[in-house]
Amino acid sequence: MCTWITERLTVSGHGKGVADWMPLTRANVYYDHPVSAPLDHALIIDFVNEGAGTGARVSVELSAESARELLRAIESALTTGEAQHDLAATGRTGE
């Protein structure tokens, strides 16, 4: 049974569409039947630019396992990257 539960959030960034890079203003995240991925269910993320029409989107369909791995990788990259940038900003080397 599909729940149609969607998490919507405002985002700030850019995404690579078919033609070019475009500003992104919203992300829609849901778990449902994918359109393309050969999975029964997938975590689907649509990054969109609401002001640019229906074609201004980048979409991904991930297995639940891949989505969880992506969460861990994002958290790790943010934690490490922010720490390194904070060290650089203070002039410390981290050693």
PDB file of N, CA and C in Angstrom:
ATOM      1  N   MET A   1       0.836  -1.172   0.000  1.00  0.00           N
ATOM      2  CA  MET A   1       0.000   0.000   0.000  1.00  0.00           C
ATOM      3  C   MET A   1       0.884   1.240   0.000  1.00  0.00           C
ATOM      4  N   CYS A   2       0.572   2.181  -0.833  1.00  0.00           N
ATOM      5  CA  CYS A   2       1.317   3.432  -0.895  1.00  0.00           C
ATOM      6  C   CYS A   2       0.681   4.454   0.023  1.00  0.00           C
ATOM      7  N   THR A   3       1.510   5.174   0.728  1.00  0.00           N
ATOM      8  CA  THR A   3       0.999   6.131   1.704  1.00  0.00           C
ATOM      9  C   THR A   3       0.921   7.546   1.147  1.00  0.00           C
ATOM     10  N   TRP A   4       1.613   7.830   0.075  1.00  0.00           N
ATOM     11  CA  TRP A   4       1.658   9.172  -0.500  1.00  0.00           C
ATOM     12  C   TRP A   4       2.205  10.201   0.478  1.00  0.00           C
ATOM     13  N   ILE A   5       2.968   9.746   1.468  1.00  0.00           N
ATOM     14  CA  ILE A   5       3.575  10.681   2.413  1.00  0.00           C
ATOM     15  C   ILE A   5       4.778  11.317   1.746  1.00  0.00           C
ATOM     16  N   THR A   6       4.772  12.625   1.701  1.00  0.00           N
ATOM     17  CA  THR A   6       5.862  13.365   1.072  1.00  0.00           C
ATOM     18  C   THR A   6       6.384  14.406   2.039  1.00  0.00           C
ATOM     19  N   GLU A   7       7.685  14.435   2.187  1.00  0.00           N
ATOM     20  CA  GLU A   7       8.345  15.497   2.935  1.00  0.00           C
ATOM     21  C   GLU A   7       8.736  16.565   1.939  1.00  0.00           C
ATOM     22  N   ARG A   8       8.386  17.794   2.214  1.00  0.00           N
ATOM     23  CA  ARG A   8       8.729  18.912   1.326  1.00  0.00           C
ATOM     24  C   ARG A   8       9.589  19.892   2.103  1.00  0.00           C
ATOM     25  N   LEU A   9      10.650  20.362   1.465  1.00  0.00           N
ATOM     26  CA  LEU A   9      11.490  21.346   2.124  1.00  0.00           C
ATOM     27  C   LEU A   9      12.025  22.349   1.121  1.00  0.00           C
ATOM     28  N   THR A  10      12.254  23.552   1.620  1.00  0.00           N
ATOM     29  CA  THR A  10      12.859  24.596   0.812  1.00  0.00           C
ATOM     30  C   THR A  10      14.360  24.343   0.785  1.00  0.00           C
ATOM     31  N   VAL A  11      14.965  24.442  -0.382  1.00  0.00           N
ATOM     32  CA  VAL A  11      16.405  24.243  -0.514  1.00  0.00           C
ATOM     33  C   VAL A  11      17.031  25.422  -1.251  1.00  0.00           C
ATOM     34  N   SER A  12      18.313  25.552  -1.106  1.00  0.00           N
ATOM     35  CA  SER A  12      19.066  26.575  -1.815  1.00  0.00           C
ATOM     36  C   SER A  12      20.271  25.902  -2.445  1.00  0.00           C
ATOM     37  N   GLY A  13      20.326  25.912  -3.769  1.00  0.00           N
ATOM     38  CA  GLY A  13      21.432  25.275  -4.467  1.00  0.00           C
ATOM     39  C   GLY A  13      21.165  25.248  -5.955  1.00  0.00           C
ATOM     40  N   HIS A  14      21.942  24.468  -6.670  1.00  0.00           N
ATOM     41  CA  HIS A  14      21.786  24.303  -8.114  1.00  0.00           C
ATOM     42  C   HIS A  14      21.842  22.821  -8.454  1.00  0.00           C
ATOM     43  N   GLY A  15      21.186  22.443  -9.529  1.00  0.00           N
ATOM     44  CA  GLY A  15      21.202  21.066  -9.997  1.00  0.00           C
ATOM     45  C   GLY A  15      21.423  21.042 -11.495  1.00  0.00           C
ATOM     46  N   LYS A  16      22.017  19.955 -11.981  1.00  0.00           N
ATOM     47  CA  LYS A  16      22.280  19.812 -13.408  1.00  0.00           C
ATOM     48  C   LYS A  16      21.108  19.111 -14.050  1.00  0.00           C
ATOM     49  N   GLY A  17      20.381  19.842 -14.883  1.00  0.00           N
ATOM     50  CA  GLY A  17      19.278  19.273 -15.633  1.00  0.00           C
ATOM     51  C   GLY A  17      19.764  18.768 -16.977  1.00  0.00           C
ATOM     52  N   VAL A  18      18.849  18.474 -17.870  1.00  0.00           N
ATOM     53  CA  VAL A  18      19.204  17.968 -19.188  1.00  0.00           C
ATOM     54  C   VAL A  18      20.020  19.002 -19.965  1.00  0.00           C
ATOM     55  N   ALA A  19      19.576  20.235 -19.935  1.00  0.00           N
ATOM     56  CA  ALA A  19      20.220  21.263 -20.753  1.00  0.00           C
ATOM     57  C   ALA A  19      21.362  21.970 -20.038  1.00  0.00           C
ATOM     58  N   ASP A  20      21.202  22.275 -18.754  1.00  0.00           N
ATOM     59  CA  ASP A  20      22.177  23.121 -18.073  1.00  0.00           C
ATOM     60  C   ASP A  20      21.935  23.067 -16.572  1.00  0.00           C
ATOM     61  N   TRP A  21      22.769  23.797 -15.840  1.00  0.00           N
ATOM     62  CA  TRP A  21      22.563  23.963 -14.408  1.00  0.00           C
ATOM     63  C   TRP A  21      21.377  24.885 -14.190  1.00  0.00           C
ATOM     64  N   MET A  22      20.640  24.653 -13.093  1.00  0.00           N
ATOM     65  CA  MET A  22      19.493  25.496 -12.772  1.00  0.00           C
ATOM     66  C   MET A  22      19.406  25.668 -11.258  1.00  0.00           C
ATOM     67  N   PRO A  23      18.868  26.814 -10.824  1.00  0.00           N
ATOM     68  CA  PRO A  23      18.655  27.007  -9.391  1.00  0.00           C
ATOM     69  C   PRO A  23      17.596  26.025  -8.886  1.00  0.00           C
ATOM     70  N   LEU A  24      17.768  25.545  -7.660  1.00  0.00           N
ATOM     71  CA  LEU A  24      16.791  24.659  -7.044  1.00  0.00           C
ATOM     72  C   LEU A  24      16.168  25.372  -5.848  1.00  0.00           C
ATOM     73  N   THR A  25      14.846  25.256  -5.707  1.00  0.00           N
ATOM     74  CA  THR A  25      14.136  25.950  -4.638  1.00  0.00           C
ATOM     75  C   THR A  25      13.412  25.008  -3.683  1.00  0.00           C
ATOM     76  N   ARG A  26      13.178  23.773  -4.090  1.00  0.00           N
ATOM     77  CA  ARG A  26      12.414  22.842  -3.258  1.00  0.00           C
ATOM     78  C   ARG A  26      12.895  21.415  -3.505  1.00  0.00           C
ATOM     79  N   ALA A  27      12.783  20.602  -2.455  1.00  0.00           N
ATOM     80  CA  ALA A  27      13.015  19.167  -2.579  1.00  0.00           C
ATOM     81  C   ALA A  27      11.770  18.453  -2.062  1.00  0.00           C
ATOM     82  N   ASN A  28      11.307  17.480  -2.814  1.00  0.00           N
ATOM     83  CA  ASN A  28      10.193  16.614  -2.415  1.00  0.00           C
ATOM     84  C   ASN A  28      10.776  15.219  -2.221  1.00  0.00           C
ATOM     85  N   VAL A  29      10.581  14.658  -1.036  1.00  0.00           N
ATOM     86  CA  VAL A  29      11.174  13.370  -0.691  1.00  0.00           C
ATOM     87  C   VAL A  29      10.048  12.417  -0.296  1.00  0.00           C
ATOM     88  N   TYR A  30      10.022  11.251  -0.948  1.00  0.00           N
ATOM     89  CA  TYR A  30       8.975  10.288  -0.626  1.00  0.00           C
ATOM     90  C   TYR A  30       9.434   8.865  -0.919  1.00  0.00           C
ATOM     91  N   TYR A  31       8.722   7.895  -0.356  1.00  0.00           N
ATOM     92  CA  TYR A  31       9.004   6.474  -0.526  1.00  0.00           C
ATOM     93  C   TYR A  31       7.804   5.862  -1.228  1.00  0.00           C
ATOM     94  N   ASP A  32       7.999   5.399  -2.448  1.00  0.00           N
ATOM     95  CA  ASP A  32       6.866   4.936  -3.251  1.00  0.00           C
ATOM     96  C   ASP A  32       7.377   4.031  -4.373  1.00  0.00           C
ATOM     97  N   HIS A  33       6.495   3.660  -5.275  1.00  0.00           N
ATOM     98  CA  HIS A  33       6.883   2.885  -6.448  1.00  0.00           C
ATOM     99  C   HIS A  33       7.683   3.790  -7.391  1.00  0.00           C
ATOM    100  N   PRO A  34       8.880   3.370  -7.803  1.00  0.00           N
ATOM    101  CA  PRO A  34       9.669   4.192  -8.713  1.00  0.00           C
ATOM    102  C   PRO A  34       9.110   4.155 -10.139  1.00  0.00           C
ATOM    103  N   VAL A  35       9.469   5.148 -10.893  1.00  0.00           N
ATOM    104  CA  VAL A  35       9.085   5.212 -12.303  1.00  0.00           C
ATOM    105  C   VAL A  35      10.065   4.408 -13.148  1.00  0.00           C
ATOM    106  N   SER A  36      11.356   4.507 -12.834  1.00  0.00           N
ATOM    107  CA  SER A  36      12.373   3.903 -13.680  1.00  0.00           C
ATOM    108  C   SER A  36      13.194   2.813 -13.000  1.00  0.00           C
ATOM    109  N   ALA A  37      13.583   3.011 -11.764  1.00  0.00           N
ATOM    110  CA  ALA A  37      14.453   2.049 -11.073  1.00  0.00           C
ATOM    111  C   ALA A  37      13.760   0.691 -10.952  1.00  0.00           C
ATOM    112  N   PRO A  38      14.507  -0.398 -11.174  1.00  0.00           N
ATOM    113  CA  PRO A  38      13.907  -1.733 -11.092  1.00  0.00           C
ATOM    114  C   PRO A  38      13.758  -2.196  -9.635  1.00  0.00           C
ATOM    115  N   LEU A  39      12.938  -1.468  -8.877  1.00  0.00           N
ATOM    116  CA  LEU A  39      12.709  -1.751  -7.465  1.00  0.00           C
ATOM    117  C   LEU A  39      11.213  -1.764  -7.201  1.00  0.00           C
ATOM    118  N   ASP A  40      10.788  -2.506  -6.188  1.00  0.00           N
ATOM    119  CA  ASP A  40       9.376  -2.493  -5.803  1.00  0.00           C
ATOM    120  C   ASP A  40       9.010  -1.129  -5.204  1.00  0.00           C
ATOM    121  N   HIS A  41       9.873  -0.621  -4.320  1.00  0.00           N
ATOM    122  CA  HIS A  41       9.713   0.699  -3.723  1.00  0.00           C
ATOM    123  C   HIS A  41      11.076   1.377  -3.713  1.00  0.00           C
ATOM    124  N   ALA A  42      11.050   2.694  -3.706  1.00  0.00           N
ATOM    125  CA  ALA A  42      12.299   3.456  -3.692  1.00  0.00           C
ATOM    126  C   ALA A  42      12.102   4.743  -2.919  1.00  0.00           C
ATOM    127  N   LEU A  43      13.201   5.251  -2.378  1.00  0.00           N
ATOM    128  CA  LEU A  43      13.197   6.613  -1.855  1.00  0.00           C
ATOM    129  C   LEU A  43      13.394   7.510  -3.067  1.00  0.00           C
ATOM    130  N   ILE A  44      12.467   8.406  -3.282  1.00  0.00           N
ATOM    131  CA  ILE A  44      12.504   9.269  -4.454  1.00  0.00           C
ATOM    132  C   ILE A  44      12.704  10.704  -3.986  1.00  0.00           C
ATOM    133  N   ILE A  45      13.652  11.388  -4.601  1.00  0.00           N
ATOM    134  CA  ILE A  45      13.909  12.791  -4.290  1.00  0.00           C
ATOM    135  C   ILE A  45      13.787  13.567  -5.586  1.00  0.00           C
ATOM    136  N   ASP A  46      12.882  14.525  -5.587  1.00  0.00           N
ATOM    137  CA  ASP A  46      12.735  15.440  -6.707  1.00  0.00           C
ATOM    138  C   ASP A  46      13.238  16.805  -6.255  1.00  0.00           C
ATOM    139  N   PHE A  47      14.290  17.278  -6.888  1.00  0.00           N
ATOM    140  CA  PHE A  47      14.781  18.628  -6.656  1.00  0.00           C
ATOM    141  C   PHE A  47      14.177  19.487  -7.762  1.00  0.00           C
ATOM    142  N   VAL A  48      13.483  20.559  -7.400  1.00  0.00           N
ATOM    143  CA  VAL A  48      12.750  21.340  -8.394  1.00  0.00           C
ATOM    144  C   VAL A  48      13.017  22.837  -8.256  1.00  0.00           C
ATOM    145  N   ASN A  49      12.733  23.539  -9.346  1.00  0.00           N
ATOM    146  CA  ASN A  49      12.674  24.989  -9.344  1.00  0.00           C
ATOM    147  C   ASN A  49      11.228  25.329  -9.670  1.00  0.00           C
ATOM    148  N   GLU A  50      10.450  25.610  -8.638  1.00  0.00           N
ATOM    149  CA  GLU A  50       9.005  25.789  -8.809  1.00  0.00           C
ATOM    150  C   GLU A  50       8.655  26.926  -9.763  1.00  0.00           C
ATOM    151  N   GLY A  51       9.483  27.954  -9.832  1.00  0.00           N
ATOM    152  CA  GLY A  51       9.190  29.093 -10.681  1.00  0.00           C
ATOM    153  C   GLY A  51       9.506  28.875 -12.146  1.00  0.00           C
ATOM    154  N   ALA A  52      10.151  27.770 -12.479  1.00  0.00           N
ATOM    155  CA  ALA A  52      10.607  27.549 -13.852  1.00  0.00           C
ATOM    156  C   ALA A  52       9.795  26.495 -14.607  1.00  0.00           C
ATOM    157  N   GLY A  53       8.708  26.015 -14.030  1.00  0.00           N
ATOM    158  CA  GLY A  53       7.869  25.052 -14.742  1.00  0.00           C
ATOM    159  C   GLY A  53       8.184  23.610 -14.389  1.00  0.00           C
ATOM    160  N   THR A  54       7.376  22.699 -14.923  1.00  0.00           N
ATOM    161  CA  THR A  54       7.468  21.283 -14.555  1.00  0.00           C
ATOM    162  C   THR A  54       8.735  20.595 -15.041  1.00  0.00           C
ATOM    163  N   GLY A  55       9.376  21.104 -16.080  1.00  0.00           N
ATOM    164  CA  GLY A  55      10.588  20.474 -16.586  1.00  0.00           C
ATOM    165  C   GLY A  55      11.837  20.828 -15.809  1.00  0.00           C
ATOM    166  N   ALA A  56      11.740  21.777 -14.891  1.00  0.00           N
ATOM    167  CA  ALA A  56      12.911  22.217 -14.119  1.00  0.00           C
ATOM    168  C   ALA A  56      13.044  21.362 -12.874  1.00  0.00           C
ATOM    169  N   ARG A  57      13.542  20.121 -13.089  1.00  0.00           N
ATOM    170  CA  ARG A  57      13.692  19.210 -11.961  1.00  0.00           C
ATOM    171  C   ARG A  57      14.808  18.223 -12.216  1.00  0.00           C
ATOM    172  N   VAL A  58      15.330  17.718 -11.130  1.00  0.00           N
ATOM    173  CA  VAL A  58      16.291  16.630 -11.130  1.00  0.00           C
ATOM    174  C   VAL A  58      15.719  15.598 -10.171  1.00  0.00           C
ATOM    175  N   SER A  59      15.570  14.368 -10.616  1.00  0.00           N
ATOM    176  CA  SER A  59      14.950  13.345  -9.796  1.00  0.00           C
ATOM    177  C   SER A  59      15.876  12.143  -9.646  1.00  0.00           C
ATOM    178  N   VAL A  60      15.866  11.543  -8.450  1.00  0.00           N
ATOM    179  CA  VAL A  60      16.625  10.311  -8.211  1.00  0.00           C
ATOM    180  C   VAL A  60      15.717   9.295  -7.526  1.00  0.00           C
ATOM    181  N   GLU A  61      15.930   8.033  -7.826  1.00  0.00           N
ATOM    182  CA  GLU A  61      15.206   6.929  -7.196  1.00  0.00           C
ATOM    183  C   GLU A  61      16.253   5.972  -6.625  1.00  0.00           C
ATOM    184  N   LEU A  62      16.237   5.793  -5.308  1.00  0.00           N
ATOM    185  CA  LEU A  62      17.247   4.983  -4.633  1.00  0.00           C
ATOM    186  C   LEU A  62      16.608   3.849  -3.852  1.00  0.00           C
ATOM    187  N   SER A  63      17.308   2.712  -3.790  1.00  0.00           N
ATOM    188  CA  SER A  63      16.864   1.645  -2.905  1.00  0.00           C
ATOM    189  C   SER A  63      16.975   2.164  -1.470  1.00  0.00           C
ATOM    190  N   ALA A  64      16.226   1.565  -0.551  1.00  0.00           N
ATOM    191  CA  ALA A  64      16.278   1.982   0.848  1.00  0.00           C
ATOM    192  C   ALA A  64      17.703   1.880   1.389  1.00  0.00           C
ATOM    193  N   GLU A  65      18.404   0.809   1.035  1.00  0.00           N
ATOM    194  CA  GLU A  65      19.785   0.629   1.494  1.00  0.00           C
ATOM    195  C   GLU A  65      20.688   1.733   0.948  1.00  0.00           C
ATOM    196  N   SER A  66      20.560   2.053  -0.323  1.00  0.00           N
ATOM    197  CA  SER A  66      21.370   3.113  -0.921  1.00  0.00           C
ATOM    198  C   SER A  66      21.050   4.466  -0.295  1.00  0.00           C
ATOM    199  N   ALA A  67      19.778   4.721  -0.006  1.00  0.00           N
ATOM    200  CA  ALA A  67      19.381   5.989   0.614  1.00  0.00           C
ATOM    201  C   ALA A  67      20.007   6.132   2.000  1.00  0.00           C
ATOM    202  N   ARG A  68      20.023   5.041   2.769  1.00  0.00           N
ATOM    203  CA  ARG A  68      20.641   5.093   4.105  1.00  0.00           C
ATOM    204  C   ARG A  68      22.151   5.303   4.009  1.00  0.00           C
ATOM    205  N   GLU A  69      22.795   4.661   3.039  1.00  0.00           N
ATOM    206  CA  GLU A  69      24.232   4.870   2.828  1.00  0.00           C
ATOM    207  C   GLU A  69      24.510   6.321   2.423  1.00  0.00           C
ATOM    208  N   LEU A  70      23.644   6.876   1.584  1.00  0.00           N
ATOM    209  CA  LEU A  70      23.786   8.271   1.173  1.00  0.00           C
ATOM    210  C   LEU A  70      23.651   9.196   2.373  1.00  0.00           C
ATOM    211  N   LEU A  71      22.701   8.925   3.260  1.00  0.00           N
ATOM    212  CA  LEU A  71      22.559   9.730   4.478  1.00  0.00           C
ATOM    213  C   LEU A  71      23.850   9.729   5.289  1.00  0.00           C
ATOM    214  N   ARG A  72      24.434   8.549   5.480  1.00  0.00           N
ATOM    215  CA  ARG A  72      25.685   8.448   6.241  1.00  0.00           C
ATOM    216  C   ARG A  72      26.819   9.208   5.544  1.00  0.00           C
ATOM    217  N   ALA A  73      26.896   9.098   4.225  1.00  0.00           N
ATOM    218  CA  ALA A  73      27.960   9.781   3.482  1.00  0.00           C
ATOM    219  C   ALA A  73      27.781  11.297   3.539  1.00  0.00           C
ATOM    220  N   ILE A  74      26.547  11.773   3.436  1.00  0.00           N
ATOM    221  CA  ILE A  74      26.290  13.212   3.523  1.00  0.00           C
ATOM    222  C   ILE A  74      26.692  13.737   4.898  1.00  0.00           C
ATOM    223  N   GLU A  75      26.267  13.047   5.945  1.00  0.00           N
ATOM    224  CA  GLU A  75      26.601  13.478   7.305  1.00  0.00           C
ATOM    225  C   GLU A  75      28.110  13.488   7.529  1.00  0.00           C
ATOM    226  N   SER A  76      28.787  12.460   7.049  1.00  0.00           N
ATOM    227  CA  SER A  76      30.237  12.383   7.192  1.00  0.00           C
ATOM    228  C   SER A  76      30.935  13.516   6.440  1.00  0.00           C
ATOM    229  N   ALA A  77      30.516  13.757   5.200  1.00  0.00           N
ATOM    230  CA  ALA A  77      31.140  14.816   4.398  1.00  0.00           C
ATOM    231  C   ALA A  77      30.913  16.189   5.030  1.00  0.00           C
ATOM    232  N   LEU A  78      29.707  16.433   5.538  1.00  0.00           N
ATOM    233  CA  LEU A  78      29.426  17.716   6.179  1.00  0.00           C
ATOM    234  C   LEU A  78      30.248  17.899   7.447  1.00  0.00           C
ATOM    235  N   THR A  79      30.302  16.871   8.280  1.00  0.00           N
ATOM    236  CA  THR A  79      31.046  16.957   9.533  1.00  0.00           C
ATOM    237  C   THR A  79      32.530  17.201   9.275  1.00  0.00           C
ATOM    238  N   THR A  80      33.114  16.412   8.386  1.00  0.00           N
ATOM    239  CA  THR A  80      34.535  16.551   8.076  1.00  0.00           C
ATOM    240  C   THR A  80      34.828  17.868   7.372  1.00  0.00           C
ATOM    241  N   GLY A  81      34.030  18.200   6.376  1.00  0.00           N
ATOM    242  CA  GLY A  81      34.261  19.427   5.612  1.00  0.00           C
ATOM    243  C   GLY A  81      34.131  20.678   6.456  1.00  0.00           C
ATOM    244  N   GLU A  82      33.077  20.750   7.283  1.00  0.00           N
ATOM    245  CA  GLU A  82      32.901  21.922   8.138  1.00  0.00           C
ATOM    246  C   GLU A  82      34.031  22.045   9.143  1.00  0.00           C
ATOM    247  N   ALA A  83      34.475  20.918   9.711  1.00  0.00           N
ATOM    248  CA  ALA A  83      35.575  20.953  10.670  1.00  0.00           C
ATOM    249  C   ALA A  83      36.853  21.452  10.012  1.00  0.00           C
ATOM    250  N   GLN A  84      37.148  20.987   8.807  1.00  0.00           N
ATOM    251  CA  GLN A  84      38.356  21.428   8.111  1.00  0.00           C
ATOM    252  C   GLN A  84      38.279  22.898   7.743  1.00  0.00           C
ATOM    253  N   HIS A  85      37.107  23.358   7.317  1.00  0.00           N
ATOM    254  CA  HIS A  85      36.957  24.772   6.968  1.00  0.00           C
ATOM    255  C   HIS A  85      37.043  25.651   8.204  1.00  0.00           C
ATOM    256  N   ASP A  86      36.528  25.173   9.344  1.00  0.00           N
ATOM    257  CA  ASP A  86      36.646  25.935  10.594  1.00  0.00           C
ATOM    258  C   ASP A  86      38.093  26.046  11.021  1.00  0.00           C
ATOM    259  N   LEU A  87      38.871  24.966  10.873  1.00  0.00           N
ATOM    260  CA  LEU A  87      40.298  25.001  11.210  1.00  0.00           C
ATOM    261  C   LEU A  87      41.030  25.989  10.294  1.00  0.00           C
ATOM    262  N   ALA A  88      40.725  25.948   9.019  1.00  0.00           N
ATOM    263  CA  ALA A  88      41.379  26.848   8.076  1.00  0.00           C
ATOM    264  C   ALA A  88      41.053  28.300   8.394  1.00  0.00           C
ATOM    265  N   ALA A  89      39.832  28.552   8.809  1.00  0.00           N
ATOM    266  CA  ALA A  89      39.405  29.921   9.097  1.00  0.00           C
ATOM    267  C   ALA A  89      40.110  30.478  10.329  1.00  0.00           C
ATOM    268  N   THR A  90      40.482  29.596  11.256  1.00  0.00           N
ATOM    269  CA  THR A  90      41.178  30.050  12.458  1.00  0.00           C
ATOM    270  C   THR A  90      42.693  30.008  12.312  1.00  0.00           C
ATOM    271  N   GLY A  91      43.171  29.517  11.175  1.00  0.00           N
ATOM    272  CA  GLY A  91      44.608  29.444  10.932  1.00  0.00           C
ATOM    273  C   GLY A  91      45.289  28.243  11.559  1.00  0.00           C
ATOM    274  N   ARG A  92      44.503  27.323  12.106  1.00  0.00           N
ATOM    275  CA  ARG A  92      45.078  26.112  12.690  1.00  0.00           C
ATOM    276  C   ARG A  92      45.201  25.043  11.621  1.00  0.00           C
ATOM    277  N   THR A  93      46.093  24.120  11.842  1.00  0.00           N
ATOM    278  CA  THR A  93      46.318  23.059  10.867  1.00  0.00           C
ATOM    279  C   THR A  93      45.608  21.766  11.250  1.00  0.00           C
ATOM    280  N   GLY A  94      45.122  21.669  12.478  1.00  0.00           N
ATOM    281  CA  GLY A  94      44.454  20.451  12.913  1.00  0.00           C
ATOM    282  C   GLY A  94      45.410  19.385  13.384  1.00  0.00           C
ATOM    283  N   GLU A  95      46.681  19.710  13.501  1.00  0.00           N
ATOM    284  CA  GLU A  95      47.683  18.719  13.954  1.00  0.00           C
ATOM    285  C   GLU A  95      47.930  18.850  15.426  1.00  0.00           C
TER     286      GLU A  95
END
